């Protein structure tokens, strides 16, 4: 299942349901809501929450990259190259960009509509 985020300030952002639910939870929205809105007033807080989550994920990634045991485990599991894990920052960037554009244009972000 896919979820589409929409805003008059940016192109649609489409992502798999389970990834969208994670991001909705991070920005303070109920991940079980099939549709919803990030109002103009809520956007600054959503941006801050997403940036914080991205920074924390990047810190975890740096720790993992310095762990030789994790590198070996990833290689054995086939999680290298194109099969490597996709970081939260990579998944969150399109939504973060949409939120920032929406903040600039003072328009809400919606999903499920």
PDB file of N, CA and C in Angstrom:
ATOM      1  N   UNK A   1       0.839  -1.168   0.000  1.00  0.00           N
ATOM      2  CA  UNK A   1       0.000   0.000   0.000  1.00  0.00           C
ATOM      3  C   UNK A   1       0.894   1.245   0.000  1.00  0.00           C
ATOM      4  N   UNK A   2       0.445   2.268  -0.703  1.00  0.00           N
ATOM      5  CA  UNK A   2       1.191   3.515  -0.806  1.00  0.00           C
ATOM      6  C   UNK A   2       0.438   4.654  -0.135  1.00  0.00           C
ATOM      7  N   UNK A   3       1.209   5.625   0.350  1.00  0.00           N
ATOM      8  CA  UNK A   3       0.630   6.853   0.890  1.00  0.00           C
ATOM      9  C   UNK A   3       1.216   8.007   0.090  1.00  0.00           C
ATOM     10  N   UNK A   4       0.348   8.934  -0.290  1.00  0.00           N
ATOM     11  CA  UNK A   4       0.773  10.103  -1.051  1.00  0.00           C
ATOM     12  C   UNK A   4       0.590  11.349  -0.206  1.00  0.00           C
ATOM     13  N   UNK A   5       1.679  12.071  -0.018  1.00  0.00           N
ATOM     14  CA  UNK A   5       1.642  13.364   0.661  1.00  0.00           C
ATOM     15  C   UNK A   5       1.479  14.422  -0.417  1.00  0.00           C
ATOM     16  N   UNK A   6       0.614  15.400  -0.152  1.00  0.00           N
ATOM     17  CA  UNK A   6       0.332  16.435  -1.143  1.00  0.00           C
ATOM     18  C   UNK A   6       0.452  17.823  -0.507  1.00  0.00           C
ATOM     19  N   UNK A   7       0.886  18.766  -1.328  1.00  0.00           N
ATOM     20  CA  UNK A   7       0.978  20.157  -0.923  1.00  0.00           C
ATOM     21  C   UNK A   7       0.929  21.010  -2.182  1.00  0.00           C
ATOM     22  N   UNK A   8       0.325  22.160  -2.077  1.00  0.00           N
ATOM     23  CA  UNK A   8       0.314  23.084  -3.214  1.00  0.00           C
ATOM     24  C   UNK A   8       1.685  23.698  -3.455  1.00  0.00           C
ATOM     25  N   UNK A   9       2.621  23.486  -2.548  1.00  0.00           N
ATOM     26  CA  UNK A   9       3.949  24.087  -2.657  1.00  0.00           C
ATOM     27  C   UNK A   9       4.997  23.154  -3.260  1.00  0.00           C
ATOM     28  N   UNK A  10       4.646  21.882  -3.466  1.00  0.00           N
ATOM     29  CA  UNK A  10       5.656  20.915  -3.923  1.00  0.00           C
ATOM     30  C   UNK A  10       4.987  19.774  -4.670  1.00  0.00           C
ATOM     31  N   UNK A  11       5.803  19.003  -5.351  1.00  0.00           N
ATOM     32  CA  UNK A  11       5.307  17.800  -6.018  1.00  0.00           C
ATOM     33  C   UNK A  11       4.891  16.773  -4.979  1.00  0.00           C
ATOM     34  N   UNK A  12       4.009  15.865  -5.369  1.00  0.00           N
ATOM     35  CA  UNK A  12       3.570  14.806  -4.468  1.00  0.00           C
ATOM     36  C   UNK A  12       4.755  13.951  -4.020  1.00  0.00           C
ATOM     37  N   UNK A  13       4.668  13.453  -2.800  1.00  0.00           N
ATOM     38  CA  UNK A  13       5.658  12.518  -2.261  1.00  0.00           C
ATOM     39  C   UNK A  13       4.917  11.215  -2.004  1.00  0.00           C
ATOM     40  N   UNK A  14       5.351  10.154  -2.677  1.00  0.00           N
ATOM     41  CA  UNK A  14       4.707   8.853  -2.563  1.00  0.00           C
ATOM     42  C   UNK A  14       5.676   7.893  -1.895  1.00  0.00           C
ATOM     43  N   UNK A  15       5.177   7.173  -0.884  1.00  0.00           N
ATOM     44  CA  UNK A  15       6.034   6.192  -0.219  1.00  0.00           C
ATOM     45  C   UNK A  15       5.224   5.013   0.273  1.00  0.00           C
ATOM     46  N   UNK A  16       5.918   3.924   0.524  1.00  0.00           N
ATOM     47  CA  UNK A  16       5.259   2.748   1.068  1.00  0.00           C
ATOM     48  C   UNK A  16       4.652   3.074   2.423  1.00  0.00           C
ATOM     49  N   UNK A  17       3.528   2.440   2.694  1.00  0.00           N
ATOM     50  CA  UNK A  17       2.736   2.689   3.894  1.00  0.00           C
ATOM     51  C   UNK A  17       3.568   2.592   5.170  1.00  0.00           C
ATOM     52  N   UNK A  18       4.365   1.531   5.313  1.00  0.00           N
ATOM     53  CA  UNK A  18       5.104   1.349   6.569  1.00  0.00           C
ATOM     54  C   UNK A  18       6.174   2.426   6.772  1.00  0.00           C
ATOM     55  N   UNK A  19       6.754   2.936   5.700  1.00  0.00           N
ATOM     56  CA  UNK A  19       7.732   4.021   5.835  1.00  0.00           C
ATOM     57  C   UNK A  19       7.020   5.342   6.148  1.00  0.00           C
ATOM     58  N   UNK A  20       5.887   5.570   5.511  1.00  0.00           N
ATOM     59  CA  UNK A  20       5.111   6.787   5.771  1.00  0.00           C
ATOM     60  C   UNK A  20       4.628   6.811   7.221  1.00  0.00           C
ATOM     61  N   UNK A  21       4.201   5.650   7.726  1.00  0.00           N
ATOM     62  CA  UNK A  21       3.733   5.578   9.114  1.00  0.00           C
ATOM     63  C   UNK A  21       4.837   5.975  10.083  1.00  0.00           C
ATOM     64  N   UNK A  22       6.057   5.543   9.807  1.00  0.00           N
ATOM     65  CA  UNK A  22       7.187   5.897  10.671  1.00  0.00           C
ATOM     66  C   UNK A  22       7.392   7.411  10.671  1.00  0.00           C
ATOM     67  N   UNK A  23       7.344   8.026   9.499  1.00  0.00           N
ATOM     68  CA  UNK A  23       7.552   9.468   9.411  1.00  0.00           C
ATOM     69  C   UNK A  23       6.399  10.234  10.049  1.00  0.00           C
ATOM     70  N   UNK A  24       5.175   9.747   9.879  1.00  0.00           N
ATOM     71  CA  UNK A  24       4.034  10.402  10.519  1.00  0.00           C
ATOM     72  C   UNK A  24       4.182  10.381  12.036  1.00  0.00           C
ATOM     73  N   UNK A  25       4.623   9.265  12.556  1.00  0.00           N
ATOM     74  CA  UNK A  25       4.836   9.155  13.992  1.00  0.00           C
ATOM     75  C   UNK A  25       5.901  10.152  14.458  1.00  0.00           C
ATOM     76  N   UNK A  26       6.964  10.273  13.692  1.00  0.00           N
ATOM     77  CA  UNK A  26       8.050  11.193  14.041  1.00  0.00           C
ATOM     78  C   UNK A  26       7.550  12.628  14.096  1.00  0.00           C
ATOM     79  N   UNK A  27       6.701  13.014  13.160  1.00  0.00           N
ATOM     80  CA  UNK A  27       6.252  14.416  13.121  1.00  0.00           C
ATOM     81  C   UNK A  27       5.070  14.678  14.049  1.00  0.00           C
ATOM     82  N   UNK A  28       4.690  13.657  14.818  1.00  0.00           N
ATOM     83  CA  UNK A  28       3.659  13.860  15.827  1.00  0.00           C
ATOM     84  C   UNK A  28       2.240  13.602  15.367  1.00  0.00           C
ATOM     85  N   UNK A  29       2.092  12.893  14.265  1.00  0.00           N
ATOM     86  CA  UNK A  29       0.767  12.550  13.759  1.00  0.00           C
ATOM     87  C   UNK A  29       0.470  11.079  14.045  1.00  0.00           C
ATOM     88  N   UNK A  30      -0.803  10.744  14.104  1.00  0.00           N
ATOM     89  CA  UNK A  30      -1.206   9.359  14.349  1.00  0.00           C
ATOM     90  C   UNK A  30      -0.926   8.546  13.091  1.00  0.00           C
ATOM     91  N   UNK A  31      -0.008   7.587  13.168  1.00  0.00           N
ATOM     92  CA  UNK A  31       0.342   6.814  11.980  1.00  0.00           C
ATOM     93  C   UNK A  31      -0.795   5.908  11.492  1.00  0.00           C
ATOM     94  N   UNK A  32      -1.807   5.718  12.316  1.00  0.00           N
ATOM     95  CA  UNK A  32      -2.932   4.871  11.914  1.00  0.00           C
ATOM     96  C   UNK A  32      -4.010   5.647  11.161  1.00  0.00           C
ATOM     97  N   UNK A  33      -3.908   6.985  11.133  1.00  0.00           N
ATOM     98  CA  UNK A  33      -4.888   7.778  10.397  1.00  0.00           C
ATOM     99  C   UNK A  33      -4.682   7.583   8.896  1.00  0.00           C
ATOM    100  N   UNK A  34      -5.735   7.174   8.204  1.00  0.00           N
ATOM    101  CA  UNK A  34      -5.653   6.948   6.757  1.00  0.00           C
ATOM    102  C   UNK A  34      -5.501   8.255   5.993  1.00  0.00           C
ATOM    103  N   UNK A  35      -5.986   9.336   6.577  1.00  0.00           N
ATOM    104  CA  UNK A  35      -5.795  10.645   5.962  1.00  0.00           C
ATOM    105  C   UNK A  35      -5.628  11.686   7.061  1.00  0.00           C
ATOM    106  N   UNK A  36      -4.971  12.764   6.689  1.00  0.00           N
ATOM    107  CA  UNK A  36      -4.720  13.780   7.693  1.00  0.00           C
ATOM    108  C   UNK A  36      -4.095  15.023   7.101  1.00  0.00           C
ATOM    109  N   UNK A  37      -3.730  15.923   8.003  1.00  0.00           N
ATOM    110  CA  UNK A  37      -3.192  17.218   7.593  1.00  0.00           C
ATOM    111  C   UNK A  37      -2.130  17.681   8.584  1.00  0.00           C
ATOM    112  N   UNK A  38      -1.108  18.310   8.053  1.00  0.00           N
ATOM    113  CA  UNK A  38      -0.150  19.063   8.855  1.00  0.00           C
ATOM    114  C   UNK A  38      -0.477  20.519   8.536  1.00  0.00           C
ATOM    115  N   UNK A  39      -1.086  21.195   9.488  1.00  0.00           N
ATOM    116  CA  UNK A  39      -1.499  22.574   9.255  1.00  0.00           C
ATOM    117  C   UNK A  39      -0.283  23.486   9.167  1.00  0.00           C
ATOM    118  N   UNK A  40      -0.514  24.662   8.651  1.00  0.00           N
ATOM    119  CA  UNK A  40       0.566  25.650   8.537  1.00  0.00           C
ATOM    120  C   UNK A  40       1.191  25.914   9.905  1.00  0.00           C
ATOM    121  N   UNK A  41       0.355  25.956  10.939  1.00  0.00           N
ATOM    122  CA  UNK A  41       0.849  26.203  12.295  1.00  0.00           C
ATOM    123  C   UNK A  41       1.672  25.031  12.837  1.00  0.00           C
ATOM    124  N   UNK A  42       1.395  23.822  12.372  1.00  0.00           N
ATOM    125  CA  UNK A  42       2.097  22.625  12.843  1.00  0.00           C
ATOM    126  C   UNK A  42       3.388  22.341  12.086  1.00  0.00           C
ATOM    127  N   UNK A  43       3.558  22.952  10.943  1.00  0.00           N
ATOM    128  CA  UNK A  43       4.716  22.645  10.088  1.00  0.00           C
ATOM    129  C   UNK A  43       6.061  22.907  10.775  1.00  0.00           C
ATOM    130  N   UNK A  44       6.271  24.042  11.451  1.00  0.00           N
ATOM    131  CA  UNK A  44       7.597  24.250  12.076  1.00  0.00           C
ATOM    132  C   UNK A  44       7.969  23.133  13.056  1.00  0.00           C
ATOM    133  N   UNK A  45       7.020  22.682  13.868  1.00  0.00           N
ATOM    134  CA  UNK A  45       7.296  21.600  14.813  1.00  0.00           C
ATOM    135  C   UNK A  45       7.589  20.297  14.069  1.00  0.00           C
ATOM    136  N   UNK A  46       6.846  20.031  13.001  1.00  0.00           N
ATOM    137  CA  UNK A  46       7.067  18.809  12.214  1.00  0.00           C
ATOM    138  C   UNK A  46       8.462  18.825  11.590  1.00  0.00           C
ATOM    139  N   UNK A  47       8.873  19.973  11.080  1.00  0.00           N
ATOM    140  CA  UNK A  47      10.215  20.101  10.496  1.00  0.00           C
ATOM    141  C   UNK A  47      11.279  19.844  11.553  1.00  0.00           C
ATOM    142  N   UNK A  48      11.119  20.447  12.713  1.00  0.00           N
ATOM    143  CA  UNK A  48      12.099  20.274  13.786  1.00  0.00           C
ATOM    144  C   UNK A  48      12.187  18.817  14.224  1.00  0.00           C
ATOM    145  N   UNK A  49      11.056  18.160  14.379  1.00  0.00           N
ATOM    146  CA  UNK A  49      11.040  16.750  14.784  1.00  0.00           C
ATOM    147  C   UNK A  49      11.735  15.872  13.744  1.00  0.00           C
ATOM    148  N   UNK A  50      11.461  16.146  12.478  1.00  0.00           N
ATOM    149  CA  UNK A  50      12.060  15.348  11.412  1.00  0.00           C
ATOM    150  C   UNK A  50      13.566  15.573  11.346  1.00  0.00           C
ATOM    151  N   UNK A  51      13.996  16.815  11.477  1.00  0.00           N
ATOM    152  CA  UNK A  51      15.439  17.110  11.472  1.00  0.00           C
ATOM    153  C   UNK A  51      16.145  16.420  12.636  1.00  0.00           C
ATOM    154  N   UNK A  52      15.528  16.432  13.807  1.00  0.00           N
ATOM    155  CA  UNK A  52      16.115  15.771  14.979  1.00  0.00           C
ATOM    156  C   UNK A  52      16.231  14.270  14.748  1.00  0.00           C
ATOM    157  N   UNK A  53      15.194  13.657  14.222  1.00  0.00           N
ATOM    158  CA  UNK A  53      15.217  12.211  13.947  1.00  0.00           C
ATOM    159  C   UNK A  53      16.293  11.877  12.918  1.00  0.00           C
ATOM    160  N   UNK A  54      16.446  12.719  11.914  1.00  0.00           N
ATOM    161  CA  UNK A  54      17.478  12.507  10.896  1.00  0.00           C
ATOM    162  C   UNK A  54      18.865  12.597  11.526  1.00  0.00           C
ATOM    163  N   UNK A  55      19.085  13.593  12.369  1.00  0.00           N
ATOM    164  CA  UNK A  55      20.388  13.751  13.030  1.00  0.00           C
ATOM    165  C   UNK A  55      20.698  12.546  13.910  1.00  0.00           C
ATOM    166  N   UNK A  56      19.716  12.066  14.648  1.00  0.00           N
ATOM    167  CA  UNK A  56      19.919  10.892  15.498  1.00  0.00           C
ATOM    168  C   UNK A  56      20.221   9.658  14.659  1.00  0.00           C
ATOM    169  N   UNK A  57      19.516   9.499  13.546  1.00  0.00           N
ATOM    170  CA  UNK A  57      19.757   8.352  12.676  1.00  0.00           C
ATOM    171  C   UNK A  57      21.151   8.417  12.057  1.00  0.00           C
ATOM    172  N   UNK A  58      21.574   9.599  11.661  1.00  0.00           N
ATOM    173  CA  UNK A  58      22.919   9.747  11.095  1.00  0.00           C
ATOM    174  C   UNK A  58      23.986   9.405  12.132  1.00  0.00           C
ATOM    175  N   UNK A  59      23.770   9.787  13.379  1.00  0.00           N
ATOM    176  CA  UNK A  59      24.717   9.452  14.439  1.00  0.00           C
ATOM    177  C   UNK A  59      24.795   7.934  14.623  1.00  0.00           C
ATOM    178  N   UNK A  60      23.640   7.271  14.610  1.00  0.00           N
ATOM    179  CA  UNK A  60      23.622   5.794  14.718  1.00  0.00           C
ATOM    180  C   UNK A  60      24.340   5.156  13.544  1.00  0.00           C
ATOM    181  N   UNK A  61      24.117   5.708  12.350  1.00  0.00           N
ATOM    182  CA  UNK A  61      24.770   5.167  11.154  1.00  0.00           C
ATOM    183  C   UNK A  61      26.288   5.293  11.262  1.00  0.00           C
ATOM    184  N   UNK A  62      26.769   6.445  11.763  1.00  0.00           N
ATOM    185  CA  UNK A  62      28.219   6.628  11.924  1.00  0.00           C
ATOM    186  C   UNK A  62      28.791   5.599  12.891  1.00  0.00           C
ATOM    187  N   UNK A  63      28.057   5.328  13.969  1.00  0.00           N
ATOM    188  CA  UNK A  63      28.508   4.320  14.932  1.00  0.00           C
ATOM    189  C   UNK A  63      28.574   2.942  14.278  1.00  0.00           C
ATOM    190  N   UNK A  64      27.555   2.602  13.513  1.00  0.00           N
ATOM    191  CA  UNK A  64      27.536   1.303  12.850  1.00  0.00           C
ATOM    192  C   UNK A  64      28.665   1.163  11.834  1.00  0.00           C
ATOM    193  N   UNK A  65      28.952   2.254  11.127  1.00  0.00           N
ATOM    194  CA  UNK A  65      30.011   2.214  10.122  1.00  0.00           C
ATOM    195  C   UNK A  65      31.380   1.993  10.749  1.00  0.00           C
ATOM    196  N   UNK A  66      31.536   2.350  12.013  1.00  0.00           N
ATOM    197  CA  UNK A  66      32.817   2.169  12.696  1.00  0.00           C
ATOM    198  C   UNK A  66      32.915   0.814  13.382  1.00  0.00           C
ATOM    199  N   UNK A  67      31.850   0.040  13.341  1.00  0.00           N
ATOM    200  CA  UNK A  67      31.820  -1.272  13.986  1.00  0.00           C
ATOM    201  C   UNK A  67      32.167  -2.350  12.959  1.00  0.00           C
ATOM    202  N   UNK A  68      33.375  -2.940  13.057  1.00  0.00           N
ATOM    203  CA  UNK A  68      33.774  -3.962  12.076  1.00  0.00           C
ATOM    204  C   UNK A  68      32.871  -5.194  12.104  1.00  0.00           C
ATOM    205  N   UNK A  69      32.304  -5.523  13.275  1.00  0.00           N
ATOM    206  CA  UNK A  69      31.398  -6.672  13.357  1.00  0.00           C
ATOM    207  C   UNK A  69      30.120  -6.415  12.568  1.00  0.00           C
ATOM    208  N   UNK A  70      29.618  -5.190  12.619  1.00  0.00           N
ATOM    209  CA  UNK A  70      28.404  -4.846  11.866  1.00  0.00           C
ATOM    210  C   UNK A  70      28.680  -4.888  10.372  1.00  0.00           C
ATOM    211  N   UNK A  71      29.837  -4.415   9.974  1.00  0.00           N
ATOM    212  CA  UNK A  71      30.207  -4.436   8.556  1.00  0.00           C
ATOM    213  C   UNK A  71      30.252  -5.876   8.045  1.00  0.00           C
ATOM    214  N   UNK A  72      30.835  -6.768   8.835  1.00  0.00           N
ATOM    215  CA  UNK A  72      30.893  -8.180   8.454  1.00  0.00           C
ATOM    216  C   UNK A  72      29.492  -8.787   8.401  1.00  0.00           C
ATOM    217  N   UNK A  73      28.639  -8.465   9.381  1.00  0.00           N
ATOM    218  CA  UNK A  73      27.266  -8.989   9.410  1.00  0.00           C
ATOM    219  C   UNK A  73      26.485  -8.508   8.191  1.00  0.00           C
ATOM    220  N   UNK A  74      26.658  -7.244   7.822  1.00  0.00           N
ATOM    221  CA  UNK A  74      25.976  -6.719   6.636  1.00  0.00           C
ATOM    222  C   UNK A  74      26.450  -7.428   5.376  1.00  0.00           C
ATOM    223  N   UNK A  75      27.745  -7.666   5.280  1.00  0.00           N
ATOM    224  CA  UNK A  75      28.296  -8.353   4.109  1.00  0.00           C
ATOM    225  C   UNK A  75      27.744  -9.774   4.023  1.00  0.00           C
ATOM    226  N   UNK A  76      27.711 -10.473   5.141  1.00  0.00           N
ATOM    227  CA  UNK A  76      27.196 -11.845   5.159  1.00  0.00           C
ATOM    228  C   UNK A  76      25.707 -11.901   4.823  1.00  0.00           C
ATOM    229  N   UNK A  77      24.972 -10.875   5.226  1.00  0.00           N
ATOM    230  CA  UNK A  77      23.527 -10.837   4.964  1.00  0.00           C
ATOM    231  C   UNK A  77      23.212 -10.279   3.569  1.00  0.00           C
ATOM    232  N   UNK A  78      24.235  -9.872   2.838  1.00  0.00           N
ATOM    233  CA  UNK A  78      24.024  -9.342   1.503  1.00  0.00           C
ATOM    234  C   UNK A  78      23.537  -7.899   1.489  1.00  0.00           C
ATOM    235  N   UNK A  79      23.756  -7.171   2.580  1.00  0.00           N
ATOM    236  CA  UNK A  79      23.304  -5.776   2.664  1.00  0.00           C
ATOM    237  C   UNK A  79      24.445  -4.822   2.303  1.00  0.00           C
ATOM    238  N   UNK A  80      24.942  -4.965   1.096  1.00  0.00           N
ATOM    239  CA  UNK A  80      26.003  -4.082   0.618  1.00  0.00           C
ATOM    240  C   UNK A  80      25.614  -3.561  -0.759  1.00  0.00           C
ATOM    241  N   UNK A  81      26.296  -2.529  -1.196  1.00  0.00           N
ATOM    242  CA  UNK A  81      26.021  -1.970  -2.524  1.00  0.00           C
ATOM    243  C   UNK A  81      24.570  -1.530  -2.653  1.00  0.00           C
ATOM    244  N   UNK A  82      23.937  -1.958  -3.726  1.00  0.00           N
ATOM    245  CA  UNK A  82      22.560  -1.551  -3.980  1.00  0.00           C
ATOM    246  C   UNK A  82      21.581  -2.160  -2.971  1.00  0.00           C
ATOM    247  N   UNK A  83      21.973  -3.225  -2.297  1.00  0.00           N
ATOM    248  CA  UNK A  83      21.115  -3.870  -1.294  1.00  0.00           C
ATOM    249  C   UNK A  83      21.327  -3.309   0.113  1.00  0.00           C
ATOM    250  N   UNK A  84      22.180  -2.288   0.238  1.00  0.00           N
ATOM    251  CA  UNK A  84      22.453  -1.704   1.556  1.00  0.00           C
ATOM    252  C   UNK A  84      21.180  -1.080   2.131  1.00  0.00           C
ATOM    253  N   UNK A  85      21.154  -0.994   3.436  1.00  0.00           N
ATOM    254  CA  UNK A  85      20.004  -0.395   4.116  1.00  0.00           C
ATOM    255  C   UNK A  85      19.825   1.055   3.683  1.00  0.00           C
ATOM    256  N   UNK A  86      18.569   1.477   3.614  1.00  0.00           N
ATOM    257  CA  UNK A  86      18.253   2.869   3.293  1.00  0.00           C
ATOM    258  C   UNK A  86      18.034   3.593   4.614  1.00  0.00           C
ATOM    259  N   UNK A  87      18.784   4.639   4.821  1.00  0.00           N
ATOM    260  CA  UNK A  87      18.732   5.374   6.084  1.00  0.00           C
ATOM    261  C   UNK A  87      17.468   6.232   6.163  1.00  0.00           C
ATOM    262  N   UNK A  88      17.099   6.553   7.392  1.00  0.00           N
ATOM    263  CA  UNK A  88      15.946   7.408   7.621  1.00  0.00           C
ATOM    264  C   UNK A  88      16.100   8.743   6.884  1.00  0.00           C
ATOM    265  N   UNK A  89      17.289   9.295   6.887  1.00  0.00           N
ATOM    266  CA  UNK A  89      17.516  10.574   6.208  1.00  0.00           C
ATOM    267  C   UNK A  89      17.153  10.486   4.728  1.00  0.00           C
ATOM    268  N   UNK A  90      17.484   9.372   4.111  1.00  0.00           N
ATOM    269  CA  UNK A  90      17.159   9.199   2.698  1.00  0.00           C
ATOM    270  C   UNK A  90      15.652   9.105   2.485  1.00  0.00           C
ATOM    271  N   UNK A  91      14.971   8.406   3.364  1.00  0.00           N
ATOM    272  CA  UNK A  91      13.521   8.257   3.245  1.00  0.00           C
ATOM    273  C   UNK A  91      12.792   9.552   3.604  1.00  0.00           C
ATOM    274  N   UNK A  92      13.315  10.285   4.579  1.00  0.00           N
ATOM    275  CA  UNK A  92      12.632  11.460   5.104  1.00  0.00           C
ATOM    276  C   UNK A  92      12.865  12.717   4.269  1.00  0.00           C
ATOM    277  N   UNK A  93      13.941  12.759   3.514  1.00  0.00           N
ATOM    278  CA  UNK A  93      14.292  13.984   2.800  1.00  0.00           C
ATOM    279  C   UNK A  93      13.163  14.526   1.924  1.00  0.00           C
ATOM    280  N   UNK A  94      12.485  13.719   1.109  1.00  0.00           N
ATOM    281  CA  UNK A  94      11.420  14.295   0.273  1.00  0.00           C
ATOM    282  C   UNK A  94      10.293  14.930   1.096  1.00  0.00           C
ATOM    283  N   UNK A  95       9.917  14.304   2.205  1.00  0.00           N
ATOM    284  CA  UNK A  95       8.876  14.879   3.053  1.00  0.00           C
ATOM    285  C   UNK A  95       9.381  16.146   3.737  1.00  0.00           C
ATOM    286  N   UNK A  96      10.614  16.134   4.201  1.00  0.00           N
ATOM    287  CA  UNK A  96      11.199  17.326   4.819  1.00  0.00           C
ATOM    288  C   UNK A  96      11.217  18.477   3.822  1.00  0.00           C
ATOM    289  N   UNK A  97      11.623  18.214   2.601  1.00  0.00           N
ATOM    290  CA  UNK A  97      11.646  19.241   1.563  1.00  0.00           C
ATOM    291  C   UNK A  97      10.233  19.782   1.320  1.00  0.00           C
ATOM    292  N   UNK A  98       9.249  18.889   1.262  1.00  0.00           N
ATOM    293  CA  UNK A  98       7.868  19.322   1.071  1.00  0.00           C
ATOM    294  C   UNK A  98       7.409  20.215   2.217  1.00  0.00           C
ATOM    295  N   UNK A  99       7.730  19.813   3.439  1.00  0.00           N
ATOM    296  CA  UNK A  99       7.343  20.610   4.598  1.00  0.00           C
ATOM    297  C   UNK A  99       7.990  21.994   4.559  1.00  0.00           C
ATOM    298  N   UNK A 100       9.254  22.055   4.180  1.00  0.00           N
ATOM    299  CA  UNK A 100       9.950  23.343   4.107  1.00  0.00           C
ATOM    300  C   UNK A 100       9.351  24.233   3.020  1.00  0.00           C
ATOM    301  N   UNK A 101       9.036  23.668   1.869  1.00  0.00           N
ATOM    302  CA  UNK A 101       8.395  24.442   0.800  1.00  0.00           C
ATOM    303  C   UNK A 101       7.011  24.917   1.237  1.00  0.00           C
ATOM    304  N   UNK A 102       6.290  24.048   1.929  1.00  0.00           N
ATOM    305  CA  UNK A 102       4.953  24.392   2.407  1.00  0.00           C
ATOM    306  C   UNK A 102       5.004  25.488   3.460  1.00  0.00           C
ATOM    307  N   UNK A 103       6.034  25.440   4.305  1.00  0.00           N
ATOM    308  CA  UNK A 103       6.199  26.493   5.306  1.00  0.00           C
ATOM    309  C   UNK A 103       6.451  27.835   4.616  1.00  0.00           C
ATOM    310  N   UNK A 104       7.304  27.809   3.624  1.00  0.00           N
ATOM    311  CA  UNK A 104       7.638  29.041   2.893  1.00  0.00           C
ATOM    312  C   UNK A 104       6.390  29.625   2.221  1.00  0.00           C
ATOM    313  N   UNK A 105       5.566  28.757   1.619  1.00  0.00           N
ATOM    314  CA  UNK A 105       4.373  29.219   0.903  1.00  0.00           C
ATOM    315  C   UNK A 105       3.139  29.305   1.801  1.00  0.00           C
ATOM    316  N   UNK A 106       3.301  28.907   3.072  1.00  0.00           N
ATOM    317  CA  UNK A 106       2.210  28.956   4.045  1.00  0.00           C
ATOM    318  C   UNK A 106       0.978  28.166   3.588  1.00  0.00           C
ATOM    319  N   UNK A 107       1.242  26.900   3.191  1.00  0.00           N
ATOM    320  CA  UNK A 107       0.166  26.000   2.807  1.00  0.00           C
ATOM    321  C   UNK A 107       0.333  24.683   3.567  1.00  0.00           C
ATOM    322  N   UNK A 108      -0.755  23.965   3.837  1.00  0.00           N
ATOM    323  CA  UNK A 108      -0.662  22.708   4.584  1.00  0.00           C
ATOM    324  C   UNK A 108      -0.162  21.546   3.734  1.00  0.00           C
ATOM    325  N   UNK A 109       0.181  20.473   4.423  1.00  0.00           N
ATOM    326  CA  UNK A 109       0.527  19.202   3.792  1.00  0.00           C
ATOM    327  C   UNK A 109      -0.557  18.202   4.200  1.00  0.00           C
ATOM    328  N   UNK A 110      -1.059  17.458   3.233  1.00  0.00           N
ATOM    329  CA  UNK A 110      -2.120  16.483   3.511  1.00  0.00           C
ATOM    330  C   UNK A 110      -1.694  15.113   2.984  1.00  0.00           C
ATOM    331  N   UNK A 111      -2.355  14.078   3.485  1.00  0.00           N
ATOM    332  CA  UNK A 111      -2.159  12.734   2.945  1.00  0.00           C
ATOM    333  C   UNK A 111      -3.490  12.001   2.985  1.00  0.00           C
ATOM    334  N   UNK A 112      -3.608  11.031   2.086  1.00  0.00           N
ATOM    335  CA  UNK A 112      -4.793  10.179   2.060  1.00  0.00           C
ATOM    336  C   UNK A 112      -6.025  10.831   1.468  1.00  0.00           C
ATOM    337  N   UNK A 113      -5.866  11.938   0.782  1.00  0.00           N
ATOM    338  CA  UNK A 113      -7.039  12.609   0.202  1.00  0.00           C
ATOM    339  C   UNK A 113      -6.963  12.565  -1.312  1.00  0.00           C
TER     340      UNK A 113
END
